[in-house]
N, C-alpha and C. Protein backbone atom coordinates (compact mmCIF):
# COMPACT_ATOMS: atom_id res chain seq x y z
N MET A 1 15.38 -8.56 11.56
CA MET A 1 15.39 -8.22 10.31
C MET A 1 15.82 -8.53 9.08
N GLU A 2 14.63 -8.24 8.46
CA GLU A 2 15.48 -8.34 6.79
C GLU A 2 16.03 -7.61 6.36
N ILE A 3 17.57 -8.10 6.16
CA ILE A 3 18.42 -7.18 6.08
C ILE A 3 18.09 -7.52 4.21
N LYS A 4 17.93 -8.52 3.39
CA LYS A 4 17.89 -8.74 2.27
C LYS A 4 16.50 -8.24 1.54
N LYS A 5 15.54 -7.86 2.30
CA LYS A 5 15.25 -6.61 1.24
C LYS A 5 15.04 -5.53 2.09
N ILE A 6 15.61 -5.16 3.30
CA ILE A 6 16.25 -3.48 3.76
C ILE A 6 17.49 -3.30 2.69
N ALA A 7 18.04 -4.34 2.43
CA ALA A 7 19.25 -3.51 1.51
C ALA A 7 19.17 -3.27 -0.69
N SER A 8 18.26 -4.08 -0.44
CA SER A 8 17.43 -3.94 -2.09
C SER A 8 16.15 -2.26 -1.80
N VAL A 9 16.47 -1.84 -0.95
CA VAL A 9 15.19 -0.77 -1.23
C VAL A 9 16.30 0.16 -0.55
N THR A 10 17.18 0.34 0.36
CA THR A 10 18.28 1.33 0.26
C THR A 10 18.67 2.30 0.50
N ALA A 11 19.40 2.37 -1.48
CA ALA A 11 19.70 3.27 -2.40
C ALA A 11 18.74 4.61 -2.58
N VAL A 12 16.99 3.47 -2.62
CA VAL A 12 15.60 4.20 -3.44
C VAL A 12 15.23 5.34 -2.23
N ILE A 13 14.99 4.48 -1.14
CA ILE A 13 15.00 5.25 -0.36
C ILE A 13 16.14 5.75 0.40
N MET A 14 17.30 6.44 0.68
CA MET A 14 18.09 7.41 0.59
C MET A 14 18.13 7.95 -0.51
N MET A 15 17.87 8.03 -1.61
CA MET A 15 18.21 9.16 -2.63
C MET A 15 16.22 9.20 -2.95
N LEU A 16 15.84 9.20 -2.41
CA LEU A 16 13.98 9.80 -1.81
C LEU A 16 14.32 10.72 -1.29
N ALA A 17 15.09 10.37 -0.12
CA ALA A 17 14.90 10.72 1.43
C ALA A 17 15.29 12.49 1.31
N LEU A 18 16.66 12.31 0.23
CA LEU A 18 17.80 13.42 0.27
C LEU A 18 16.73 14.59 -1.19
N ASN A 19 16.01 13.69 -1.84
CA ASN A 19 15.64 14.65 -2.78
C ASN A 19 14.25 15.20 -2.09
N ALA A 20 13.77 14.51 -1.71
CA ALA A 20 12.39 15.41 -0.25
C ALA A 20 12.74 16.58 0.91
N GLY A 21 13.80 16.70 1.23
CA GLY A 21 14.93 17.51 2.33
C GLY A 21 14.73 17.54 3.15
N ALA A 22 15.10 18.37 4.01
CA ALA A 22 15.08 18.81 4.99
C ALA A 22 14.18 17.50 6.31
N LYS A 23 12.99 18.73 5.75
CA LYS A 23 11.79 17.61 6.38
C LYS A 23 11.47 16.23 6.52
N ALA A 24 12.43 15.34 5.45
CA ALA A 24 11.83 14.48 5.41
C ALA A 24 13.22 13.00 6.58
N VAL A 25 13.53 13.56 6.86
CA VAL A 25 15.15 13.36 7.85
C VAL A 25 15.33 14.83 8.91
N GLU A 26 13.74 15.22 9.32
CA GLU A 26 14.71 16.13 10.36
C GLU A 26 14.74 15.83 12.04
N SER A 27 14.39 14.68 11.77
CA SER A 27 14.67 13.69 13.61
C SER A 27 15.52 13.17 13.25
N GLU A 28 16.07 13.12 14.39
CA GLU A 28 17.85 13.47 14.52
C GLU A 28 17.44 11.30 14.58
N LEU A 29 16.65 10.26 15.02
CA LEU A 29 16.31 8.80 15.28
C LEU A 29 16.08 8.12 14.06
N VAL A 30 15.97 9.36 13.76
CA VAL A 30 15.26 8.52 12.05
C VAL A 30 17.02 9.35 11.41
N THR A 31 17.18 10.31 11.21
CA THR A 31 18.57 10.38 10.51
C THR A 31 19.58 8.96 10.79
N LYS A 32 19.70 8.75 11.55
CA LYS A 32 20.38 7.78 12.48
C LYS A 32 20.53 6.17 12.15
N TYR A 33 19.21 6.04 11.79
CA TYR A 33 18.06 5.42 11.07
C TYR A 33 19.55 4.99 10.11
N LEU A 34 18.42 6.04 8.90
CA LEU A 34 18.45 5.93 7.66
C LEU A 34 20.64 5.71 7.34
N GLU A 35 21.24 6.14 8.24
CA GLU A 35 22.40 5.85 8.07
C GLU A 35 23.06 4.36 8.63
N ALA A 36 22.25 4.34 9.43
CA ALA A 36 22.30 2.63 9.94
C ALA A 36 21.48 0.97 8.52
N VAL A 37 20.83 2.80 7.99
CA VAL A 37 20.45 1.01 6.82
C VAL A 37 21.09 1.13 5.59
N ASP A 38 21.57 2.83 5.77
CA ASP A 38 22.62 2.47 4.09
C ASP A 38 24.47 2.09 3.93
N SER A 39 24.64 1.71 5.91
CA SER A 39 25.71 1.35 5.38
C SER A 39 25.11 -1.30 5.90
N LYS A 40 24.21 -0.79 6.01
CA LYS A 40 23.60 -2.09 6.31
C LYS A 40 24.10 -3.09 7.72
N ASN A 41 24.26 -2.25 8.21
CA ASN A 41 24.50 -2.03 10.35
C ASN A 41 23.33 -2.98 11.02
N ALA A 42 23.46 -4.82 10.60
CA ALA A 42 22.55 -4.40 11.35
C ALA A 42 22.05 -4.28 12.62
N LEU A 43 23.25 -4.19 13.61
CA LEU A 43 23.27 -4.11 15.04
C LEU A 43 23.32 -2.83 15.59
N LYS A 44 23.35 -1.97 15.00
CA LYS A 44 23.24 -0.36 14.90
C LYS A 44 21.80 0.12 14.60
N MET A 45 20.73 -0.87 13.70
CA MET A 45 19.47 -1.07 13.48
C MET A 45 18.41 -1.25 14.74
N SER A 46 19.10 -2.28 14.99
CA SER A 46 18.33 -3.30 15.86
C SER A 46 18.73 -2.65 17.36
N ALA A 47 19.68 -1.50 17.15
CA ALA A 47 20.26 -1.59 19.12
C ALA A 47 19.32 0.39 18.96
N ILE A 48 19.17 1.02 17.47
CA ILE A 48 18.29 1.93 17.50
C ILE A 48 16.80 2.61 18.06
N ILE A 49 16.44 1.22 17.20
CA ILE A 49 14.80 0.37 17.56
C ILE A 49 14.93 0.68 19.13
N LYS A 50 15.68 -0.57 19.55
CA LYS A 50 15.82 -0.85 21.14
C LYS A 50 15.65 0.06 21.56
N GLU A 51 16.60 1.32 21.69
CA GLU A 51 16.59 2.23 22.48
C GLU A 51 15.76 3.28 22.07
N ASN A 52 14.90 3.23 21.28
CA ASN A 52 14.40 4.56 20.81
C ASN A 52 12.06 3.60 20.03
N LYS A 53 12.50 2.56 21.46
CA LYS A 53 10.88 2.06 20.64
C LYS A 53 9.96 2.95 20.81
N ASP A 54 10.18 3.81 21.95
CA ASP A 54 8.86 4.15 23.00
C ASP A 54 9.00 5.58 21.90
N LYS A 55 9.50 6.26 21.12
CA LYS A 55 9.74 6.90 20.75
C LYS A 55 8.83 7.21 19.08
N ILE A 56 9.58 5.66 18.63
CA ILE A 56 9.34 5.68 17.39
C ILE A 56 7.41 5.54 16.93
N PRO A 57 6.90 5.16 17.43
CA PRO A 57 4.78 5.10 17.01
C PRO A 57 5.39 6.22 16.63
N ALA A 58 5.35 7.89 17.73
CA ALA A 58 5.70 8.83 17.24
C ALA A 58 5.73 9.86 16.25
N GLU A 59 7.16 9.11 16.00
CA GLU A 59 8.13 9.35 14.56
C GLU A 59 7.39 8.49 13.16
N ILE A 60 6.47 7.21 13.13
CA ILE A 60 5.65 7.20 12.75
C ILE A 60 4.40 7.72 12.13
N LYS A 61 3.57 7.68 12.54
CA LYS A 61 3.18 8.62 12.76
C LYS A 61 2.98 9.26 11.98
N ALA A 62 3.94 10.75 12.76
CA ALA A 62 4.70 12.25 11.96
C ALA A 62 4.75 11.39 10.45
N LEU A 63 5.91 10.80 10.21
CA LEU A 63 4.79 10.40 8.93
C LEU A 63 4.70 10.01 8.07
N LEU A 64 3.72 9.40 8.46
CA LEU A 64 2.42 8.16 8.18
C LEU A 64 1.48 10.38 7.68
N GLU A 65 1.39 10.96 8.73
CA GLU A 65 0.33 12.56 8.49
C GLU A 65 1.83 13.23 7.52
N GLU A 66 2.19 13.52 7.24
CA GLU A 66 2.92 14.02 5.80
C GLU A 66 2.57 13.47 4.91
N ALA A 67 2.85 12.53 4.80
CA ALA A 67 2.33 11.60 3.78
C ALA A 67 0.79 12.08 2.86
N ALA A 68 0.43 12.11 4.16
CA ALA A 68 -0.62 11.90 4.09
C ALA A 68 -1.64 13.53 2.93
N LYS A 69 -0.81 14.91 3.57
CA LYS A 69 -0.64 15.87 2.91
C LYS A 69 -1.33 16.40 1.18
N PRO A 70 -2.11 17.21 1.03
CA PRO A 70 -2.03 17.24 -0.02
C PRO A 70 -1.61 17.53 -1.60
N GLU A 71 -0.82 18.32 -0.31
CA GLU A 71 0.37 18.78 -1.22
C GLU A 71 1.65 18.76 -1.90
N ILE A 72 1.69 17.95 -0.75
CA ILE A 72 2.94 16.62 -1.06
C ILE A 72 3.32 16.07 -2.50
N THR A 73 4.73 16.58 -2.67
CA THR A 73 4.31 15.75 -3.99
C THR A 73 4.48 14.00 -4.19
N SER A 74 5.08 14.09 -5.14
CA SER A 74 4.51 12.39 -5.12
C SER A 74 6.06 11.79 -4.81
N GLU A 75 7.12 11.53 -5.28
CA GLU A 75 8.11 11.19 -4.13
C GLU A 75 8.39 11.90 -2.69
N ASP A 76 8.17 12.43 -2.13
CA ASP A 76 7.84 12.80 -0.86
C ASP A 76 6.75 12.00 -0.21
N LYS A 77 6.13 11.71 -0.99
CA LYS A 77 5.07 10.45 -0.29
C LYS A 77 5.86 8.66 0.20
N GLU A 78 6.51 8.83 -1.30
CA GLU A 78 6.84 7.36 -1.94
C GLU A 78 8.24 7.84 -0.44
N SER A 79 8.27 8.43 0.14
CA SER A 79 9.48 8.44 1.11
C SER A 79 9.39 8.16 1.77
N ARG A 80 8.78 9.37 2.99
CA ARG A 80 8.01 9.02 3.86
C ARG A 80 7.47 7.39 3.72
N LEU A 81 6.84 7.20 3.62
CA LEU A 81 5.81 5.73 3.93
C LEU A 81 7.29 4.47 3.58
N TYR A 82 8.43 5.09 2.63
CA TYR A 82 9.44 3.68 2.86
C TYR A 82 9.63 4.10 4.40
N ILE A 83 10.45 5.31 5.04
CA ILE A 83 10.79 4.63 5.84
C ILE A 83 10.04 4.74 6.92
N ALA A 84 9.13 4.83 6.41
CA ALA A 84 8.13 4.74 8.36
C ALA A 84 7.49 2.64 8.66
N GLU A 85 7.81 2.52 6.87
CA GLU A 85 7.76 1.19 7.19
C GLU A 85 8.99 0.64 7.38
N LEU A 86 10.04 0.54 7.06
CA LEU A 86 11.09 0.32 7.67
C LEU A 86 11.07 0.27 9.13
N LEU A 87 10.38 1.33 9.88
CA LEU A 87 11.22 1.50 11.08
C LEU A 87 10.05 1.04 11.78
N ALA A 88 8.64 1.16 11.02
CA ALA A 88 7.33 0.10 11.63
C ALA A 88 8.00 -1.26 11.84
N SER A 89 8.52 -1.74 10.63
CA SER A 89 9.85 -3.30 10.92
C SER A 89 10.11 -3.14 11.22
N GLY A 90 11.06 -2.71 12.08
CA GLY A 90 12.21 -2.28 12.97
C GLY A 90 11.43 -3.25 13.98
N LEU A 91 10.46 -1.93 14.43
CA LEU A 91 9.64 -2.03 15.94
C LEU A 91 8.90 -3.09 15.96
N LYS A 92 8.46 -3.71 15.10
CA LYS A 92 8.17 -5.16 14.98
C LYS A 92 8.66 -6.96 15.03
N GLU A 93 9.79 -6.98 14.81
CA GLU A 93 11.04 -7.64 15.25
C GLU A 93 11.48 -7.01 16.63
N GLU A 94 11.14 -5.89 16.92
CA GLU A 94 12.35 -5.91 18.60
C GLU A 94 11.24 -7.06 19.53
N THR A 95 9.56 -6.11 19.18
CA THR A 95 8.35 -6.29 20.59
C THR A 95 7.14 -7.58 19.78
N GLY A 96 7.30 -8.09 18.33
CA GLY A 96 6.65 -8.80 18.24
C GLY A 96 5.00 -8.20 17.94
N ASP A 97 4.65 -6.76 17.37
CA ASP A 97 3.45 -5.99 18.09
C ASP A 97 3.63 -5.75 16.38
N PHE A 98 2.73 -6.34 15.62
CA PHE A 98 2.20 -5.84 14.21
C PHE A 98 1.27 -5.27 13.80
N THR A 99 0.62 -4.03 14.56
CA THR A 99 0.35 -3.24 14.76
C THR A 99 0.64 -2.01 14.10
N LEU A 100 1.56 -1.62 14.04
CA LEU A 100 1.95 -0.26 13.63
C LEU A 100 2.08 -0.46 12.13
N LEU A 101 2.90 -1.46 12.12
CA LEU A 101 3.32 -2.44 10.86
C LEU A 101 1.82 -2.05 9.80
N LYS A 102 0.71 -3.69 10.18
CA LYS A 102 -0.19 -3.30 9.73
C LYS A 102 -0.83 -2.03 9.35
N GLU A 103 -1.12 -0.51 10.26
CA GLU A 103 -1.04 0.34 9.83
C GLU A 103 -0.96 1.38 8.87
N VAL A 104 0.87 0.93 8.48
CA VAL A 104 2.28 1.69 7.62
C VAL A 104 1.60 0.40 6.02
N LYS A 105 1.37 -0.14 6.41
CA LYS A 105 1.09 -1.27 5.41
C LYS A 105 0.19 -0.83 4.79
N LYS A 106 -0.65 -0.64 5.35
CA LYS A 106 -2.39 -0.04 4.56
C LYS A 106 -1.80 1.74 4.03
N ALA A 107 -1.20 2.42 5.23
CA ALA A 107 -1.38 3.33 4.51
C ALA A 107 0.13 3.70 2.94
N VAL A 108 0.66 2.93 2.71
CA VAL A 108 0.75 2.47 1.83
C VAL A 108 0.39 1.69 0.36
N PHE A 109 -0.82 0.92 1.11
CA PHE A 109 -1.83 0.47 -0.78
C PHE A 109 -2.62 1.55 -0.77
N ASN A 110 -3.01 2.60 0.32
CA ASN A 110 -3.79 3.60 -0.08
C ASN A 110 -3.42 4.60 -1.16
N SER A 111 -1.63 4.58 -0.41
CA SER A 111 -1.19 5.40 -1.71
C SER A 111 -1.30 5.51 -3.09
N ARG A 112 -1.18 3.66 -3.21
CA ARG A 112 -1.58 3.19 -4.64
C ARG A 112 -3.13 3.41 -5.60
N LEU A 113 -4.01 3.84 -4.79
CA LEU A 113 -5.29 3.66 -4.94
C LEU A 113 -5.89 4.83 -5.30
N THR A 114 -6.95 5.74 -5.97
CA THR A 114 -7.65 6.82 -5.64
C THR A 114 -8.11 7.04 -4.87
N ALA A 115 -7.87 8.35 -5.01
CA ALA A 115 -8.04 8.87 -3.52
C ALA A 115 -9.54 8.89 -2.86
N VAL A 116 -10.04 9.20 -3.52
CA VAL A 116 -11.25 9.94 -3.25
C VAL A 116 -12.09 8.01 -3.78
N PRO A 117 -12.79 7.32 -2.67
CA PRO A 117 -14.04 6.27 -2.73
C PRO A 117 -14.47 6.87 -4.02
N THR A 118 -15.08 6.15 -4.97
CA THR A 118 -16.23 6.01 -5.26
C THR A 118 -17.66 4.94 -4.80
N ARG A 119 -18.81 5.67 -4.05
CA ARG A 119 -19.92 5.31 -4.43
C ARG A 119 -20.90 4.50 -5.26
N PRO A 120 -20.42 3.34 -6.40
CA PRO A 120 -21.13 3.24 -7.73
C PRO A 120 -22.50 3.11 -7.32
N LYS A 121 -23.49 3.05 -8.55
CA LYS A 121 -24.68 2.40 -8.08
C LYS A 121 -24.28 1.13 -8.64
N ALA A 122 -26.04 0.22 -7.28
CA ALA A 122 -25.22 -1.21 -8.41
C ALA A 122 -27.04 -1.50 -9.24
N GLU A 123 -26.47 -2.08 -9.77
CA GLU A 123 -27.84 -2.74 -10.79
C GLU A 123 -27.52 -3.90 -10.48
N ASN A 124 -28.95 -4.59 -10.59
CA ASN A 124 -29.60 -5.63 -9.75
C ASN A 124 -28.77 -6.61 -8.60
N GLY A 125 -27.67 -5.12 -8.07
CA GLY A 125 -27.59 -5.86 -6.92
C GLY A 125 -26.07 -6.02 -6.84
N ILE A 126 -25.70 -5.15 -8.16
CA ILE A 126 -24.30 -5.52 -8.58
C ILE A 126 -23.62 -5.15 -9.31
N HIS A 127 -22.60 -4.79 -8.49
CA HIS A 127 -21.31 -3.23 -9.09
C HIS A 127 -20.12 -3.53 -10.18
N VAL A 128 -19.48 -3.22 -10.79
CA VAL A 128 -19.18 -4.09 -11.52
C VAL A 128 -17.48 -3.33 -11.73
N VAL A 129 -16.38 -3.64 -12.39
CA VAL A 129 -14.70 -3.32 -12.32
C VAL A 129 -14.56 -4.11 -12.96
N VAL A 130 -13.43 -2.75 -13.66
CA VAL A 130 -13.03 -3.39 -15.35
C VAL A 130 -11.67 -3.83 -15.31
N THR A 131 -11.39 -4.56 -15.28
CA THR A 131 -9.34 -4.55 -15.94
C THR A 131 -9.77 -4.06 -16.93
N THR A 132 -8.50 -3.07 -17.11
CA THR A 132 -7.81 -2.23 -18.70
C THR A 132 -6.56 -2.57 -18.72
N HIS A 133 -6.00 -1.51 -19.78
CA HIS A 133 -4.71 -1.41 -19.84
C HIS A 133 -4.85 0.24 -19.78
N VAL A 134 -4.45 0.88 -19.49
CA VAL A 134 -4.77 2.85 -19.81
C VAL A 134 -2.79 3.32 -18.79
N MET A 135 -3.30 4.67 -20.22
CA MET A 135 -1.59 5.57 -19.82
C MET A 135 -2.23 5.92 -18.07
N VAL A 136 -1.44 5.94 -17.68
CA VAL A 136 -1.63 6.96 -16.04
C VAL A 136 -0.11 8.27 -16.39
N LYS A 137 -0.90 9.03 -15.64
CA LYS A 137 0.55 10.76 -15.57
C LYS A 137 0.64 10.46 -14.42
N SER A 138 1.82 10.49 -13.68
CA SER A 138 2.08 11.14 -12.59
C SER A 138 3.85 12.63 -12.83
N ASP A 139 4.13 12.55 -11.24
CA ASP A 139 4.79 14.52 -11.61
C ASP A 139 5.82 14.57 -12.21
N THR A 140 5.77 13.35 -13.52
CA THR A 140 7.07 13.23 -14.15
C THR A 140 6.67 12.80 -15.53
N THR A 141 6.36 11.31 -15.41
CA THR A 141 6.67 10.88 -16.08
C THR A 141 5.24 10.35 -17.15
N GLU A 142 5.31 9.28 -18.34
CA GLU A 142 3.02 9.04 -18.30
C GLU A 142 3.57 7.24 -18.37
N GLU A 143 3.24 6.45 -18.59
CA GLU A 143 3.28 5.52 -18.79
C GLU A 143 1.89 4.38 -18.44
N ALA A 144 2.16 3.23 -19.29
CA ALA A 144 0.89 2.20 -19.62
C ALA A 144 0.60 0.41 -18.13
N LYS A 145 -0.50 0.99 -17.75
CA LYS A 145 -0.47 0.18 -16.56
C LYS A 145 -1.73 -0.70 -16.81
N ASN A 146 -1.79 -1.13 -17.07
CA ASN A 146 -2.92 -3.03 -16.26
C ASN A 146 -3.23 -1.87 -14.55
N MET A 147 -4.42 -1.45 -14.61
CA MET A 147 -5.78 -1.66 -13.65
C MET A 147 -7.21 -1.62 -13.79
N PHE A 148 -7.93 -1.68 -12.29
CA PHE A 148 -9.05 -1.93 -12.15
C PHE A 148 -9.26 -0.48 -12.15
N LEU A 149 -10.68 -0.19 -12.82
CA LEU A 149 -11.20 0.67 -12.26
C LEU A 149 -13.26 0.21 -12.37
N PRO A 150 -13.65 1.19 -11.69
CA PRO A 150 -12.53 1.62 -9.70
C PRO A 150 -12.05 1.30 -9.67
N ASP A 151 -10.96 1.66 -8.66
CA ASP A 151 -9.37 1.01 -8.11
C ASP A 151 -10.13 1.34 -6.83
N ASN A 152 -11.38 1.87 -5.94
CA ASN A 152 -11.53 2.15 -4.65
C ASN A 152 -12.77 2.41 -4.37
N ILE A 153 -13.95 1.30 -4.56
CA ILE A 153 -14.73 1.11 -4.63
C ILE A 153 -15.79 1.27 -2.78
N ILE A 154 -16.90 2.07 -2.75
CA ILE A 154 -17.15 1.63 -1.17
C ILE A 154 -18.50 0.99 -1.65
N ILE A 155 -19.56 -0.47 -0.61
CA ILE A 155 -20.44 -0.49 -0.97
C ILE A 155 -21.20 -1.25 0.25
N LYS A 156 -22.31 -2.06 0.20
CA LYS A 156 -23.35 -1.72 0.94
C LYS A 156 -23.20 -3.80 1.29
N LYS A 157 -23.25 -4.33 2.09
CA LYS A 157 -22.62 -5.52 2.87
C LYS A 157 -23.98 -6.39 2.24
N GLY A 158 -23.70 -7.32 1.42
CA GLY A 158 -25.08 -8.17 0.46
C GLY A 158 -24.17 -7.59 -0.61
N GLU A 159 -23.66 -7.21 -1.16
CA GLU A 159 -23.88 -6.11 -2.85
C GLU A 159 -22.81 -7.40 -3.00
N THR A 160 -22.57 -7.41 -4.35
CA THR A 160 -21.33 -8.36 -5.16
C THR A 160 -20.47 -7.47 -6.54
N VAL A 161 -19.72 -7.87 -6.61
CA VAL A 161 -18.86 -6.68 -7.38
C VAL A 161 -18.56 -8.13 -8.47
N ARG A 162 -18.86 -7.62 -9.93
CA ARG A 162 -18.00 -9.21 -10.57
C ARG A 162 -16.92 -7.57 -11.52
N TRP A 163 -16.05 -8.90 -12.24
CA TRP A 163 -14.93 -7.96 -12.59
C TRP A 163 -14.59 -8.56 -13.68
N GLU A 164 -14.78 -7.53 -14.77
CA GLU A 164 -14.91 -8.30 -16.29
C GLU A 164 -13.24 -7.76 -16.95
N ASN A 165 -12.27 -8.49 -17.17
CA ASN A 165 -11.70 -8.68 -17.84
C ASN A 165 -11.36 -8.47 -18.93
N LYS A 166 -11.50 -6.68 -18.94
CA LYS A 166 -11.40 -6.01 -20.44
C LYS A 166 -10.37 -6.25 -21.57
N ASP A 167 -9.02 -6.65 -20.60
CA ASP A 167 -7.95 -6.25 -20.79
C ASP A 167 -7.20 -7.84 -21.82
N ALA A 168 -5.69 -6.96 -22.24
CA ALA A 168 -6.06 -8.23 -23.46
C ALA A 168 -5.16 -9.02 -23.00
N VAL A 169 -4.29 -9.26 -20.92
CA VAL A 169 -3.95 -10.82 -20.61
C VAL A 169 -4.84 -10.89 -19.66
N ALA A 170 -4.68 -11.92 -18.83
CA ALA A 170 -5.27 -12.86 -17.62
C ALA A 170 -4.90 -12.03 -16.42
N HIS A 171 -5.89 -12.27 -15.27
CA HIS A 171 -5.75 -11.50 -14.03
C HIS A 171 -6.17 -12.65 -13.46
N VAL A 172 -5.81 -12.43 -11.56
CA VAL A 172 -5.59 -13.50 -11.12
C VAL A 172 -6.28 -12.63 -10.19
N LEU A 173 -7.45 -12.70 -8.60
CA LEU A 173 -7.48 -11.24 -8.40
C LEU A 173 -7.12 -12.39 -6.75
N ILE A 174 -6.65 -11.23 -5.27
CA ILE A 174 -6.71 -12.43 -4.31
C ILE A 174 -6.47 -11.00 -3.18
N SER A 175 -7.14 -11.86 -2.39
CA SER A 175 -6.97 -9.71 -1.30
C SER A 175 -6.37 -10.80 -0.12
N MET A 176 -6.12 -9.39 0.11
CA MET A 176 -4.69 -9.65 1.66
C MET A 176 -5.53 -9.23 2.86
N PRO A 177 -5.34 -10.47 3.37
CA PRO A 177 -6.00 -10.30 4.91
C PRO A 177 -5.47 -9.93 6.02
N VAL A 178 -3.61 -10.22 5.37
CA VAL A 178 -3.16 -9.31 6.75
C VAL A 178 -3.12 -7.96 7.19
N ILE A 179 -3.70 -7.70 6.00
CA ILE A 179 -4.14 -5.82 6.08
C ILE A 179 -5.65 -5.22 5.78
N GLY A 180 -6.35 -6.09 6.33
CA GLY A 180 -7.57 -6.10 5.65
C GLY A 180 -9.07 -7.59 6.05
N THR A 181 -9.46 -7.60 5.05
CA THR A 181 -10.50 -8.21 5.27
C THR A 181 -9.95 -9.60 3.86
N GLY A 182 -10.62 -11.46 4.67
CA GLY A 182 -10.07 -11.44 3.56
C GLY A 182 -11.19 -12.68 3.19
N GLY A 183 -10.95 -13.16 1.99
CA GLY A 183 -11.71 -14.28 0.81
C GLY A 183 -11.83 -14.56 -0.35
N ILE A 184 -11.63 -13.17 -1.34
CA ILE A 184 -11.46 -13.07 -2.28
C ILE A 184 -10.44 -13.63 -2.70
N LYS A 185 -10.46 -14.27 -3.94
CA LYS A 185 -9.84 -15.87 -4.54
C LYS A 185 -10.30 -16.09 -5.77
N ALA A 186 -9.95 -15.01 -6.52
CA ALA A 186 -9.94 -15.44 -7.93
C ALA A 186 -9.02 -16.54 -8.89
N THR A 187 -10.07 -17.55 -9.41
CA THR A 187 -8.89 -18.09 -10.45
C THR A 187 -8.72 -17.37 -11.85
N ARG A 188 -7.75 -18.15 -12.14
CA ARG A 188 -7.39 -17.05 -13.87
C ARG A 188 -8.81 -16.72 -14.64
N ILE A 189 -8.98 -15.40 -14.57
CA ILE A 189 -10.04 -14.61 -15.38
C ILE A 189 -9.35 -14.15 -16.60
N GLU A 190 -9.73 -14.77 -17.82
CA GLU A 190 -8.64 -14.71 -19.26
C GLU A 190 -9.74 -12.72 -19.92
N PRO A 191 -9.30 -12.77 -21.11
CA PRO A 191 -9.79 -11.58 -21.29
C PRO A 191 -11.54 -12.44 -22.03
N GLY A 192 -11.89 -11.44 -22.16
CA GLY A 192 -13.35 -11.45 -22.43
C GLY A 192 -14.26 -12.20 -20.78
N ALA A 193 -13.80 -12.40 -19.77
CA ALA A 193 -14.73 -13.27 -18.45
C ALA A 193 -14.47 -13.01 -17.77
N SER A 194 -15.33 -12.53 -17.11
CA SER A 194 -15.80 -12.71 -15.58
C SER A 194 -15.26 -13.56 -14.20
N PHE A 195 -15.94 -12.52 -12.98
CA PHE A 195 -15.42 -13.24 -12.03
C PHE A 195 -16.05 -12.67 -10.45
N GLU A 196 -17.43 -13.06 -9.97
CA GLU A 196 -18.20 -12.28 -8.84
C GLU A 196 -18.03 -13.12 -7.92
N PHE A 197 -18.38 -11.39 -6.45
CA PHE A 197 -18.25 -11.70 -4.58
C PHE A 197 -18.43 -11.30 -4.60
N LYS A 198 -19.47 -11.67 -3.88
CA LYS A 198 -20.45 -11.67 -2.94
C LYS A 198 -19.89 -10.88 -1.79
N PHE A 199 -20.16 -10.02 -1.41
CA PHE A 199 -19.60 -9.18 0.28
C PHE A 199 -21.01 -9.55 1.60
N ASP A 200 -20.66 -10.54 2.41
CA ASP A 200 -21.77 -10.46 2.52
C ASP A 200 -21.19 -10.06 4.73
N LYS A 201 -19.36 -10.13 4.70
CA LYS A 201 -19.18 -9.31 5.78
C LYS A 201 -18.04 -8.85 5.83
N PRO A 202 -18.77 -7.18 6.79
CA PRO A 202 -18.28 -5.46 6.90
C PRO A 202 -16.64 -5.88 6.35
N GLY A 203 -16.28 -4.64 6.49
CA GLY A 203 -15.21 -4.42 6.01
C GLY A 203 -14.26 -3.82 5.16
N GLU A 204 -12.88 -4.42 4.83
CA GLU A 204 -12.28 -3.02 4.24
C GLU A 204 -11.18 -4.49 3.38
N TYR A 205 -11.48 -4.41 2.50
CA TYR A 205 -10.79 -5.70 1.66
C TYR A 205 -10.10 -5.41 0.45
N PHE A 206 -8.72 -5.54 0.68
CA PHE A 206 -7.63 -5.20 0.24
C PHE A 206 -6.78 -6.10 -0.82
N TYR A 207 -6.75 -5.63 -2.16
CA TYR A 207 -6.73 -6.99 -3.88
C TYR A 207 -6.00 -6.77 -4.20
N ILE A 208 -5.49 -7.34 -5.10
CA ILE A 208 -3.59 -7.30 -5.87
C ILE A 208 -4.09 -8.20 -7.34
N CYS A 209 -3.95 -8.73 -7.84
CA CYS A 209 -3.99 -8.91 -9.45
C CYS A 209 -2.47 -10.01 -8.74
N TYR A 210 -2.45 -10.89 -8.81
CA TYR A 210 -1.16 -11.63 -8.19
C TYR A 210 -0.22 -12.11 -9.20
N ILE A 211 -0.58 -11.79 -10.40
CA ILE A 211 0.20 -11.82 -11.35
C ILE A 211 0.70 -10.91 -12.33
N HIS A 212 0.08 -9.38 -11.67
CA HIS A 212 0.46 -7.92 -12.31
C HIS A 212 0.62 -6.99 -10.25
N LYS A 213 1.37 -7.61 -9.95
CA LYS A 213 1.24 -7.44 -8.65
C LYS A 213 1.11 -5.56 -8.30
N GLY A 214 1.64 -5.13 -9.24
CA GLY A 214 1.28 -3.87 -9.43
C GLY A 214 -0.14 -2.54 -9.16
N MET A 215 -1.52 -3.24 -9.81
CA MET A 215 -2.27 -4.14 -10.55
C MET A 215 -2.67 -4.18 -8.59
N VAL A 216 -4.53 -2.84 -7.82
CA VAL A 216 -4.31 -3.31 -6.59
C VAL A 216 -6.22 -2.19 -6.51
N GLY A 217 -6.80 -2.89 -5.87
CA GLY A 217 -7.85 -2.38 -5.76
C GLY A 217 -8.22 -2.93 -4.33
N LYS A 218 -10.11 -2.44 -4.17
CA LYS A 218 -9.48 -1.28 -2.79
C LYS A 218 -11.04 -1.37 -2.82
N VAL A 219 -11.81 -3.31 -1.56
CA VAL A 219 -13.74 -2.20 -2.13
C VAL A 219 -13.65 -2.63 -0.37
N THR A 220 -14.08 -1.30 -0.08
CA THR A 220 -14.79 -0.77 1.73
C THR A 220 -16.64 -1.55 1.09
N VAL A 221 -16.63 -2.46 2.42
CA VAL A 221 -18.38 -3.58 2.93
C VAL A 221 -18.96 -2.27 4.52
N GLU A 222 -19.61 -1.13 3.68
CA GLU A 222 -20.53 -0.96 5.35
C GLU A 222 -22.00 -2.06 5.14
N GLU A 223 -22.29 -1.42 6.39
CA GLU A 223 -23.70 -2.54 7.60
C GLU A 223 -24.12 -1.73 6.65
């Protein structure tokens, strides 16, 4: 059990769970687990997972389904995803099975992307993604962020994506094979420079900027 990691987000999780209302913590299992997390009781957390390992997949599925509802607020969505990831992490520690944790991590990553992917038109087999600095509005705030635009695209096998740095700072692109297909690894892309990658293998390529971890993107490659 990664106690330091769990402890670092406990306050946020509990705050979000409380803000989300009764629905977010209606399950007795989830309530008990969050209480154990809040008290940093590793033995109790482990015992809850062990005693309920057959029930936890359904709990996680329910949390992910709630998080995917279009009418849910961003805070409620975040609370459900946090709780689902905690449960999935605990289950992985108990069983060694990464399947559910991978599913949750994908859902968390997808929640940070534009919900509906675009199918851009390639010019000479090349799709362009721009790295830039934009103002982003949430339910309650507005902040400046480094972003990939578009951040969620679908292309065909054999096509190429060119990332053009229109930002004032450098970026480093790397894909995340833990949850998707690997292969993207860009060196430092300075302002005004670009990087190209040809997608010869179908799959879901989740990627981040290694410098700016909140900067995420996804390329889905079809046959």
